Structure formats: C-alpha cells, structure tokens
PDB file of N, CA and C in Angstrom:
ATOM      1  N   UNK A   1       8.271  -0.148  -0.667  1.00  0.00           N
ATOM      2  CA  UNK A   1       8.633  -0.798   0.676  1.00  0.00           C
ATOM      3  C   UNK A   1       9.825   0.155   0.658  1.00  0.00           C
ATOM      4  N   UNK A   2      10.191  -0.051   1.831  1.00  0.00           N
ATOM      5  CA  UNK A   2      11.288   1.335   1.875  1.00  0.00           C
ATOM      6  C   UNK A   2      12.219   0.723   3.341  1.00  0.00           C
ATOM      7  N   UNK A   3      13.472   1.249   3.280  1.00  0.00           N
ATOM      8  CA  UNK A   3      13.450   0.929   4.705  1.00  0.00           C
ATOM      9  C   UNK A   3      14.023   2.335   5.621  1.00  0.00           C
ATOM     10  N   UNK A   4      13.401   1.869   6.543  1.00  0.00           N
ATOM     11  CA  UNK A   4      13.603   2.742   7.852  1.00  0.00           C
ATOM     12  C   UNK A   4      14.492   3.021   8.435  1.00  0.00           C
ATOM     13  N   UNK A   5      15.378   3.674   9.026  1.00  0.00           N
ATOM     14  CA  UNK A   5      16.314   3.374  10.450  1.00  0.00           C
ATOM     15  C   UNK A   5      16.350   4.726  10.660  1.00  0.00           C
ATOM     16  N   UNK A   6      16.766   3.969  12.546  1.00  0.00           N
ATOM     17  CA  UNK A   6      15.762   4.999  13.236  1.00  0.00           C
ATOM     18  C   UNK A   6      17.383   4.614  14.528  1.00  0.00           C
ATOM     19  N   UNK A   7      17.600   5.645  14.777  1.00  0.00           N
ATOM     20  CA  UNK A   7      18.439   5.551  15.657  1.00  0.00           C
ATOM     21  C   UNK A   7      18.582   6.932  17.380  1.00  0.00           C
ATOM     22  N   UNK A   8      18.547   5.801  18.471  1.00  0.00           N
ATOM     23  CA  UNK A   8      18.088   6.611  19.642  1.00  0.00           C
ATOM     24  C   UNK A   8      19.300   6.548  20.798  1.00  0.00           C
ATOM     25  N   UNK A   9      19.042   7.320  21.700  1.00  0.00           N
ATOM     26  CA  UNK A   9      19.831   6.683  23.031  1.00  0.00           C
ATOM     27  C   UNK A   9      19.233   5.635  24.080  1.00  0.00           C
ATOM     28  N   UNK A  10      20.025   5.113  24.381  1.00  0.00           N
ATOM     29  CA  UNK A  10      19.550   3.744  24.902  1.00  0.00           C
ATOM     30  C   UNK A  10      18.642   4.199  26.235  1.00  0.00           C
ATOM     31  N   UNK A  11      17.706   5.486  26.541  1.00  0.00           N
ATOM     32  CA  UNK A  11      17.311   6.607  27.785  1.00  0.00           C
ATOM     33  C   UNK A  11      15.729   6.260  26.927  1.00  0.00           C
ATOM     34  N   UNK A  12      15.983   6.239  25.409  1.00  0.00           N
ATOM     35  CA  UNK A  12      14.701   6.193  24.694  1.00  0.00           C
ATOM     36  C   UNK A  12      14.066   4.977  23.997  1.00  0.00           C
ATOM     37  N   UNK A  13      15.036   3.878  24.809  1.00  0.00           N
ATOM     38  CA  UNK A  13      14.661   2.283  23.641  1.00  0.00           C
ATOM     39  C   UNK A  13      13.002   2.149  23.799  1.00  0.00           C
ATOM     40  N   UNK A  14      12.994   1.892  24.736  1.00  0.00           N
ATOM     41  CA  UNK A  14      11.317   1.565  25.090  1.00  0.00           C
ATOM     42  C   UNK A  14       9.896   2.791  24.180  1.00  0.00           C
ATOM     43  N   UNK A  15      10.678   3.972  24.218  1.00  0.00           N
ATOM     44  CA  UNK A  15      10.138   4.983  23.932  1.00  0.00           C
ATOM     45  C   UNK A  15       9.624   4.351  22.239  1.00  0.00           C
ATOM     46  N   UNK A  16      11.235   4.043  21.336  1.00  0.00           N
ATOM     47  CA  UNK A  16      11.158   3.844  20.270  1.00  0.00           C
ATOM     48  C   UNK A  16      10.332   2.646  19.718  1.00  0.00           C
ATOM     49  N   UNK A  17      10.212   1.362  20.454  1.00  0.00           N
ATOM     50  CA  UNK A  17       9.836   0.844  20.684  1.00  0.00           C
ATOM     51  C   UNK A  17       8.174   0.835  20.302  1.00  0.00           C
ATOM     52  N   UNK A  18       7.526   1.669  21.109  1.00  0.00           N
ATOM     53  CA  UNK A  18       6.292   1.924  21.314  1.00  0.00           C
ATOM     54  C   UNK A  18       5.821   3.163  19.874  1.00  0.00           C
ATOM     55  N   UNK A  19       6.435   3.767  19.927  1.00  0.00           N
ATOM     56  CA  UNK A  19       6.330   4.940  18.465  1.00  0.00           C
ATOM     57  C   UNK A  19       6.516   3.636  17.197  1.00  0.00           C
ATOM     58  N   UNK A  20       7.375   2.755  17.262  1.00  0.00           N
ATOM     59  CA  UNK A  20       6.863   1.486  16.008  1.00  0.00           C
ATOM     60  C   UNK A  20       5.935   1.072  15.719  1.00  0.00           C
ATOM     61  N   UNK A  21       5.054   0.851  17.164  1.00  0.00           N
ATOM     62  CA  UNK A  21       3.850  -0.165  17.295  1.00  0.00           C
ATOM     63  C   UNK A  21       2.587   1.168  16.983  1.00  0.00           C
ATOM     64  N   UNK A  22       2.887   2.049  17.319  1.00  0.00           N
ATOM     65  CA  UNK A  22       1.733   3.051  17.102  1.00  0.00           C
ATOM     66  C   UNK A  22       1.990   3.175  16.020  1.00  0.00           C
ATOM     67  N   UNK A  23       2.875   3.513  15.091  1.00  0.00           N
ATOM     68  CA  UNK A  23       2.624   3.650  13.644  1.00  0.00           C
ATOM     69  C   UNK A  23       2.305   2.543  12.726  1.00  0.00           C
ATOM     70  N   UNK A  24       2.519   1.372  13.552  1.00  0.00           N
ATOM     71  CA  UNK A  24       1.530   0.014  12.962  1.00  0.00           C
ATOM     72  C   UNK A  24       3.136  -0.440  12.517  1.00  0.00           C
ATOM     73  N   UNK A  25       3.862  -0.495  12.845  1.00  0.00           N
ATOM     74  CA  UNK A  25       5.288  -1.204  12.337  1.00  0.00           C
ATOM     75  C   UNK A  25       5.296  -2.470  13.297  1.00  0.00           C
ATOM     76  N   UNK A  26       5.253  -3.658  12.714  1.00  0.00           N
ATOM     77  CA  UNK A  26       4.883  -4.830  13.834  1.00  0.00           C
ATOM     78  C   UNK A  26       6.337  -5.517  13.886  1.00  0.00           C
ATOM     79  N   UNK A  27       6.849  -5.596  12.473  1.00  0.00           N
ATOM     80  CA  UNK A  27       8.740  -6.221  12.478  1.00  0.00           C
ATOM     81  C   UNK A  27       9.430  -5.577  11.943  1.00  0.00           C
ATOM     82  N   UNK A  28      10.563  -5.320  13.349  1.00  0.00           N
ATOM     83  CA  UNK A  28      11.665  -4.038  12.657  1.00  0.00           C
ATOM     84  C   UNK A  28      12.601  -5.223  14.059  1.00  0.00           C
ATOM     85  N   UNK A  29      13.750  -4.822  13.620  1.00  0.00           N
ATOM     86  CA  UNK A  29      15.117  -5.327  14.268  1.00  0.00           C
ATOM     87  C   UNK A  29      15.637  -3.856  14.911  1.00  0.00           C
ATOM     88  N   UNK A  30      16.576  -4.699  16.200  1.00  0.00           N
ATOM     89  CA  UNK A  30      17.677  -3.120  16.689  1.00  0.00           C
ATOM     90  C   UNK A  30      18.507  -3.801  16.765  1.00  0.00           C
ATOM     91  N   UNK A  31      19.618  -3.068  17.444  1.00  0.00           N
ATOM     92  CA  UNK A  31      20.677  -3.279  17.634  1.00  0.00           C
ATOM     93  C   UNK A  31      21.610  -2.310  18.530  1.00  0.00           C
ATOM     94  N   UNK A  32      22.187  -2.855  19.257  1.00  0.00           N
ATOM     95  CA  UNK A  32      22.869  -1.836  20.186  1.00  0.00           C
ATOM     96  C   UNK A  32      24.436  -1.307  19.365  1.00  0.00           C
ATOM     97  N   UNK A  33      24.453   0.048  19.745  1.00  0.00           N
ATOM     98  CA  UNK A  33      25.486   0.770  19.103  1.00  0.00           C
ATOM     99  C   UNK A  33      26.173   1.749  20.156  1.00  0.00           C
ATOM    100  N   UNK A  34      27.218   2.030  19.927  1.00  0.00           N
ATOM    101  CA  UNK A  34      27.595   3.415  20.754  1.00  0.00           C
ATOM    102  C   UNK A  34      27.165   4.996  19.815  1.00  0.00           C
ATOM    103  N   UNK A  35      27.148   5.861  19.970  1.00  0.00           N
ATOM    104  CA  UNK A  35      26.414   6.907  19.233  1.00  0.00           C
ATOM    105  C   UNK A  35      28.420   8.271  20.017  1.00  0.00           C
ATOM    106  N   UNK A  36      28.471   8.630  18.791  1.00  0.00           N
ATOM    107  CA  UNK A  36      29.813   9.350  19.184  1.00  0.00           C
ATOM    108  C   UNK A  36      29.171  10.994  18.913  1.00  0.00           C
ATOM    109  N   UNK A  37      30.018  12.079  19.416  1.00  0.00           N
ATOM    110  CA  UNK A  37      29.446  13.339  18.891  1.00  0.00           C
ATOM    111  C   UNK A  37      31.270  14.047  18.643  1.00  0.00           C
ATOM    112  N   UNK A  38      31.225  14.493  17.865  1.00  0.00           N
ATOM    113  CA  UNK A  38      32.537  14.802  17.197  1.00  0.00           C
ATOM    114  C   UNK A  38      32.891  16.349  18.320  1.00  0.00           C
ATOM    115  N   UNK A  39      33.089  16.263  19.169  1.00  0.00           N
ATOM    116  CA  UNK A  39      33.015  17.952  20.040  1.00  0.00           C
ATOM    117  C   UNK A  39      34.312  17.807  20.927  1.00  0.00           C
ATOM    118  N   UNK A  40      35.532  18.028  20.686  1.00  0.00           N
ATOM    119  CA  UNK A  40      36.405  17.564  21.687  1.00  0.00           C
ATOM    120  C   UNK A  40      36.545  17.969  23.167  1.00  0.00           C
ATOM    121  N   UNK A  41      35.219  19.427  23.124  1.00  0.00           N
ATOM    122  CA  UNK A  41      35.768  19.920  24.744  1.00  0.00           C
ATOM    123  C   UNK A  41      34.389  18.964  25.307  1.00  0.00           C
ATOM    124  N   UNK A  42      33.507  18.456  24.811  1.00  0.00           N
ATOM    125  CA  UNK A  42      32.354  17.586  25.347  1.00  0.00           C
ATOM    126  C   UNK A  42      32.640  16.068  25.397  1.00  0.00           C
ATOM    127  N   UNK A  43      33.709  15.989  24.986  1.00  0.00           N
ATOM    128  CA  UNK A  43      34.709  14.381  25.241  1.00  0.00           C
ATOM    129  C   UNK A  43      35.616  14.867  26.555  1.00  0.00           C
ATOM    130  N   UNK A  44      36.162  15.524  26.290  1.00  0.00           N
ATOM    131  CA  UNK A  44      37.602  15.791  27.414  1.00  0.00           C
ATOM    132  C   UNK A  44      36.649  15.584  28.681  1.00  0.00           C
ATOM    133  N   UNK A  45      35.482  16.905  28.485  1.00  0.00           N
ATOM    134  CA  UNK A  45      34.881  16.893  29.975  1.00  0.00           C
ATOM    135  C   UNK A  45      34.159  16.233  30.375  1.00  0.00           C
ATOM    136  N   UNK A  46      33.431  15.242  29.804  1.00  0.00           N
ATOM    137  CA  UNK A  46      32.728  13.868  29.948  1.00  0.00           C
ATOM    138  C   UNK A  46      33.564  12.510  31.040  1.00  0.00           C
ATOM    139  N   UNK A  47      34.591  12.797  30.547  1.00  0.00           N
ATOM    140  CA  UNK A  47      35.710  11.496  30.587  1.00  0.00           C
ATOM    141  C   UNK A  47      36.360  11.700  31.561  1.00  0.00           C
ATOM    142  N   UNK A  48      36.529  11.023  32.554  1.00  0.00           N
ATOM    143  CA  UNK A  48      37.902  10.979  33.640  1.00  0.00           C
ATOM    144  C   UNK A  48      39.063  11.565  33.452  1.00  0.00           C
ATOM    145  N   UNK A  49      39.628  10.079  32.372  1.00  0.00           N
ATOM    146  CA  UNK A  49      40.721  10.970  31.631  1.00  0.00           C
ATOM    147  C   UNK A  49      40.483  11.611  30.022  1.00  0.00           C
ATOM    148  N   UNK A  50      40.806  12.750  30.289  1.00  0.00           N
ATOM    149  CA  UNK A  50      40.838  13.523  28.947  1.00  0.00           C
ATOM    150  C   UNK A  50      41.014  12.999  27.708  1.00  0.00           C
ATOM    151  N   UNK A  51      42.041  12.027  27.463  1.00  0.00           N
ATOM    152  CA  UNK A  51      42.411  11.433  26.534  1.00  0.00           C
ATOM    153  C   UNK A  51      41.453  10.197  26.254  1.00  0.00           C
ATOM    154  N   UNK A  52      40.881  10.020  26.983  1.00  0.00           N
ATOM    155  CA  UNK A  52      40.185   8.724  26.942  1.00  0.00           C
ATOM    156  C   UNK A  52      38.812   9.231  26.056  1.00  0.00           C
ATOM    157  N   UNK A  53      38.595   8.933  25.040  1.00  0.00           N
ATOM    158  CA  UNK A  53      36.990   9.087  24.202  1.00  0.00           C
ATOM    159  C   UNK A  53      36.218   7.728  24.492  1.00  0.00           C
ATOM    160  N   UNK A  54      34.465   7.839  24.887  1.00  0.00           N
ATOM    161  CA  UNK A  54      33.775   7.440  24.799  1.00  0.00           C
ATOM    162  C   UNK A  54      32.575   7.634  24.467  1.00  0.00           C
ATOM    163  N   UNK A  55      31.837   6.009  24.195  1.00  0.00           N
ATOM    164  CA  UNK A  55      30.817   6.903  23.245  1.00  0.00           C
ATOM    165  C   UNK A  55      29.233   6.725  24.266  1.00  0.00           C
ATOM    166  N   UNK A  56      28.330   6.955  23.689  1.00  0.00           N
ATOM    167  CA  UNK A  56      26.765   6.902  24.637  1.00  0.00           C
ATOM    168  C   UNK A  56      26.078   5.560  23.864  1.00  0.00           C
ATOM    169  N   UNK A  57      25.576   5.057  25.090  1.00  0.00           N
ATOM    170  CA  UNK A  57      24.975   3.685  24.579  1.00  0.00           C
ATOM    171  C   UNK A  57      23.880   4.135  24.214  1.00  0.00           C
ATOM    172  N   UNK A  58      23.912   3.242  22.898  1.00  0.00           N
ATOM    173  CA  UNK A  58      22.395   4.288  21.968  1.00  0.00           C
ATOM    174  C   UNK A  58      21.819   2.795  20.761  1.00  0.00           C
ATOM    175  N   UNK A  59      20.759   2.904  20.536  1.00  0.00           N
ATOM    176  CA  UNK A  59      20.418   2.035  19.740  1.00  0.00           C
ATOM    177  C   UNK A  59      19.670   2.266  18.288  1.00  0.00           C
ATOM    178  N   UNK A  60      19.868   1.479  17.587  1.00  0.00           N
ATOM    179  CA  UNK A  60      19.173   1.321  15.716  1.00  0.00           C
ATOM    180  C   UNK A  60      18.518   0.602  15.752  1.00  0.00           C
ATOM    181  N   UNK A  61      17.498   0.840  15.380  1.00  0.00           N
ATOM    182  CA  UNK A  61      15.949   0.165  14.979  1.00  0.00           C
ATOM    183  C   UNK A  61      16.093   0.202  13.447  1.00  0.00           C
ATOM    184  N   UNK A  62      15.455  -0.620  12.812  1.00  0.00           N
ATOM    185  CA  UNK A  62      15.023  -1.095  11.474  1.00  0.00           C
ATOM    186  C   UNK A  62      14.177  -1.956  10.676  1.00  0.00           C
ATOM    187  N   UNK A  63      13.417  -1.294   9.458  1.00  0.00           N
ATOM    188  CA  UNK A  63      12.355  -1.904   9.237  1.00  0.00           C
ATOM    189  C   UNK A  63      12.617  -1.918   7.725  1.00  0.00           C
ATOM    190  N   UNK A  64      11.936  -3.026   6.921  1.00  0.00           N
ATOM    191  CA  UNK A  64      11.234  -2.698   5.748  1.00  0.00           C
ATOM    192  C   UNK A  64      10.031  -2.981   5.649  1.00  0.00           C
ATOM    193  N   UNK A  65       9.468  -1.708   5.519  1.00  0.00           N
ATOM    194  CA  UNK A  65       8.030  -1.660   5.637  1.00  0.00           C
ATOM    195  C   UNK A  65       7.243  -0.513   4.634  1.00  0.00           C
ATOM    196  N   UNK A  66       6.331  -0.418   4.431  1.00  0.00           N
ATOM    197  CA  UNK A  66       5.319   0.488   3.745  1.00  0.00           C
ATOM    198  C   UNK A  66       5.474   2.245   4.309  1.00  0.00           C
ATOM    199  N   UNK A  67       5.671   2.995   3.175  1.00  0.00           N
ATOM    200  CA  UNK A  67       5.315   4.158   3.531  1.00  0.00           C
ATOM    201  C   UNK A  67       4.830   4.765   4.072  1.00  0.00           C
ATOM    202  N   UNK A  68       2.712   4.331   4.173  1.00  0.00           N
ATOM    203  CA  UNK A  68       1.942   4.816   5.545  1.00  0.00           C
ATOM    204  C   UNK A  68       2.345   4.610   6.505  1.00  0.00           C
ATOM    205  N   UNK A  69       3.804   3.947   6.725  1.00  0.00           N
ATOM    206  CA  UNK A  69       3.811   3.293   8.023  1.00  0.00           C
ATOM    207  C   UNK A  69       4.647   4.423   8.682  1.00  0.00           C
ATOM    208  N   UNK A  70       5.993   4.485   7.629  1.00  0.00           N
ATOM    209  CA  UNK A  70       6.930   5.609   8.019  1.00  0.00           C
ATOM    210  C   UNK A  70       6.396   6.273   7.862  1.00  0.00           C
ATOM    211  N   UNK A  71       5.553   7.163   7.103  1.00  0.00           N
ATOM    212  CA  UNK A  71       5.033   8.778   7.420  1.00  0.00           C
ATOM    213  C   UNK A  71       4.292   8.805   8.787  1.00  0.00           C
ATOM    214  N   UNK A  72       3.530   7.513   9.554  1.00  0.00           N
ATOM    215  CA  UNK A  72       3.157   7.500  11.049  1.00  0.00           C
ATOM    216  C   UNK A  72       4.046   7.163  11.845  1.00  0.00           C
ATOM    217  N   UNK A  73       5.166   6.812  11.483  1.00  0.00           N
ATOM    218  CA  UNK A  73       6.210   7.059  12.371  1.00  0.00           C
ATOM    219  C   UNK A  73       6.839   8.634  12.471  1.00  0.00           C
ATOM    220  N   UNK A  74       7.270   8.828  11.306  1.00  0.00           N
ATOM    221  CA  UNK A  74       7.724  10.229  11.410  1.00  0.00           C
ATOM    222  C   UNK A  74       7.325  11.176  12.115  1.00  0.00           C
ATOM    223  N   UNK A  75       5.783  11.190  11.796  1.00  0.00           N
ATOM    224  CA  UNK A  75       4.886  12.087  12.472  1.00  0.00           C
ATOM    225  C   UNK A  75       4.780  12.014  14.023  1.00  0.00           C
ATOM    226  N   UNK A  76       5.101  10.967  14.450  1.00  0.00           N
ATOM    227  CA  UNK A  76       5.798  10.460  16.061  1.00  0.00           C
ATOM    228  C   UNK A  76       6.587  10.761  16.431  1.00  0.00           C
ATOM    229  N   UNK A  77       7.508  10.570  15.971  1.00  0.00           N
ATOM    230  CA  UNK A  77       8.828  10.526  15.933  1.00  0.00           C
ATOM    231  C   UNK A  77       8.952  12.202  16.565  1.00  0.00           C
ATOM    232  N   UNK A  78       8.548  13.177  15.444  1.00  0.00           N
ATOM    233  CA  UNK A  78       8.723  14.698  15.384  1.00  0.00           C
ATOM    234  C   UNK A  78       7.953  14.846  16.760  1.00  0.00           C
ATOM    235  N   UNK A  79       6.558  14.736  16.942  1.00  0.00           N
ATOM    236  CA  UNK A  79       5.838  15.169  18.047  1.00  0.00           C
ATOM    237  C   UNK A  79       7.032  14.400  19.244  1.00  0.00           C
ATOM    238  N   UNK A  80       7.328  13.547  19.472  1.00  0.00           N
ATOM    239  CA  UNK A  80       8.371  12.953  20.538  1.00  0.00           C
ATOM    240  C   UNK A  80       9.356  13.965  20.606  1.00  0.00           C
ATOM    241  N   UNK A  81      10.018  14.725  19.718  1.00  0.00           N
ATOM    242  CA  UNK A  81      11.203  15.220  19.683  1.00  0.00           C
ATOM    243  C   UNK A  81      10.875  16.308  20.188  1.00  0.00           C
ATOM    244  N   UNK A  82       9.802  17.308  19.686  1.00  0.00           N
ATOM    245  CA  UNK A  82       9.229  18.534  19.942  1.00  0.00           C
ATOM    246  C   UNK A  82       9.574  18.830  21.935  1.00  0.00           C
ATOM    247  N   UNK A  83       9.400  17.820  22.443  1.00  0.00           N
ATOM    248  CA  UNK A  83       8.673  17.578  23.940  1.00  0.00           C
ATOM    249  C   UNK A  83      10.033  17.244  24.844  1.00  0.00           C
ATOM    250  N   UNK A  84      10.861  17.196  23.713  1.00  0.00           N
ATOM    251  CA  UNK A  84      12.234  16.867  24.768  1.00  0.00           C
ATOM    252  C   UNK A  84      12.815  17.790  25.577  1.00  0.00           C
ATOM    253  N   UNK A  85      13.524  17.647  26.342  1.00  0.00           N
ATOM    254  CA  UNK A  85      14.464  18.148  27.266  1.00  0.00           C
ATOM    255  C   UNK A  85      16.013  18.165  27.109  1.00  0.00           C
ATOM    256  N   UNK A  86      16.119  17.373  26.435  1.00  0.00           N
ATOM    257  CA  UNK A  86      17.847  16.731  26.020  1.00  0.00           C
ATOM    258  C   UNK A  86      18.058  16.900  24.864  1.00  0.00           C
ATOM    259  N   UNK A  87      19.211  16.872  24.365  1.00  0.00           N
ATOM    260  CA  UNK A  87      19.751  17.162  23.317  1.00  0.00           C
ATOM    261  C   UNK A  87      20.131  16.127  22.609  1.00  0.00           C
ATOM    262  N   UNK A  88      19.435  15.062  22.313  1.00  0.00           N
ATOM    263  CA  UNK A  88      19.300  14.053  22.299  1.00  0.00           C
ATOM    264  C   UNK A  88      18.235  13.344  21.727  1.00  0.00           C
ATOM    265  N   UNK A  89      18.195  13.960  19.833  1.00  0.00           N
ATOM    266  CA  UNK A  89      16.503  13.581  19.718  1.00  0.00           C
ATOM    267  C   UNK A  89      16.477  12.306  19.194  1.00  0.00           C
ATOM    268  N   UNK A  90      15.317  11.921  18.903  1.00  0.00           N
ATOM    269  CA  UNK A  90      15.405  10.605  18.065  1.00  0.00           C
ATOM    270  C   UNK A  90      15.810  10.936  16.300  1.00  0.00           C
ATOM    271  N   UNK A  91      16.547  10.109  15.733  1.00  0.00           N
ATOM    272  CA  UNK A  91      17.139  10.307  14.300  1.00  0.00           C
ATOM    273  C   UNK A  91      16.306   9.216  13.735  1.00  0.00           C
ATOM    274  N   UNK A  92      15.849   9.614  11.968  1.00  0.00           N
ATOM    275  CA  UNK A  92      15.230   8.567  11.625  1.00  0.00           C
ATOM    276  C   UNK A  92      15.524   8.836   9.987  1.00  0.00           C
ATOM    277  N   UNK A  93      15.713   8.074   8.876  1.00  0.00           N
ATOM    278  CA  UNK A  93      16.041   8.322   7.661  1.00  0.00           C
ATOM    279  C   UNK A  93      15.384   6.959   6.819  1.00  0.00           C
ATOM    280  N   UNK A  94      15.295   7.202   5.891  1.00  0.00           N
ATOM    281  CA  UNK A  94      14.318   6.287   4.779  1.00  0.00           C
ATOM    282  C   UNK A  94      15.104   6.360   3.706  1.00  0.00           C
ATOM    283  N   UNK A  95      15.628   4.985   3.382  1.00  0.00           N
ATOM    284  CA  UNK A  95      15.877   4.798   1.626  1.00  0.00           C
ATOM    285  C   UNK A  95      14.973   3.687   1.215  1.00  0.00           C
ATOM    286  N   UNK A  96      15.064   4.152  -0.237  1.00  0.00           N
ATOM    287  CA  UNK A  96      14.519   3.272  -1.277  1.00  0.00           C
ATOM    288  C   UNK A  96      14.949   2.022  -1.557  1.00  0.00           C
ATOM    289  N   UNK A  97      14.104   1.135  -1.611  1.00  0.00           N
ATOM    290  CA  UNK A  97      14.685  -0.402  -2.359  1.00  0.00           C
ATOM    291  C   UNK A  97      14.377  -0.437  -3.395  1.00  0.00           C
ATOM    292  N   UNK A  98      15.598  -0.409  -3.835  1.00  0.00           N
ATOM    293  CA  UNK A  98      15.691  -0.794  -5.688  1.00  0.00           C
ATOM    294  C   UNK A  98      15.049  -1.855  -6.385  1.00  0.00           C
ATOM    295  N   UNK A  99      15.568  -3.466  -5.137  1.00  0.00           N
ATOM    296  CA  UNK A  99      15.297  -4.876  -5.140  1.00  0.00           C
ATOM    297  C   UNK A  99      15.403  -5.422  -4.316  1.00  0.00           C
ATOM    298  N   UNK A 100      14.549  -6.516  -3.715  1.00  0.00           N
ATOM    299  CA  UNK A 100      14.335  -7.258  -3.174  1.00  0.00           C
ATOM    300  C   UNK A 100      13.998  -8.776  -3.355  1.00  0.00           C
ATOM    301  N   UNK A 101      14.487  -9.983  -2.542  1.00  0.00           N
ATOM    302  CA  UNK A 101      13.943 -10.901  -2.506  1.00  0.00           C
ATOM    303  C   UNK A 101      13.803 -11.864  -1.414  1.00  0.00           C
TER     304      UNK A 101
END
C-alpha cells in the first residue's frame, strides 16, 4: 500500500475525480488549498495592489491505495497534462507506507 497525493487548480477538480475513478481508486479524500508560485513579477501583475499576495484556489487529493491503481492514475494524469493549454498541470507524488493500523 502507498499514499498518492495529487494537487490541481480548482478548474480541474471534476477532472481529477474522474481520473481517480478511471484508475480504480474509489476511496480518497480531498481538501481545498491555496497554491502559490514564488514569482514576484507574476504576483505583482496579478494583484490589484502590488503589495498583496494571493494564492490560486486549488485542491489536494490523497488516497492510500495499491500500486497498480497508482500506475494507472499516473498514466491518466500524464495523458491529461499532455493536452493542457495552461501552465498549471496536475501534479502527483507517491509515498511508501512503512506502517499502518
């Protein structure tokens, strides 16, 4: 069993849920997060007040699941990202589980 964590901008919320289901991952959790990029020029131009820094509405999904489902999910995310016209790809990482109860 491994832990997969996926982050995506709010725009892709429904897409990520579909990708999880297509990969056979039926049990997962999600949380709303703010995403930030450390680019001063980008932050200054996107904000009405240059001194204000704001994040992008994003989501974090995570699931404890088997490697076969994670492999399928990574393939689906790779395909999804290859067709994007934005600079906000879906990101995913996998962490091994040493112990669980």
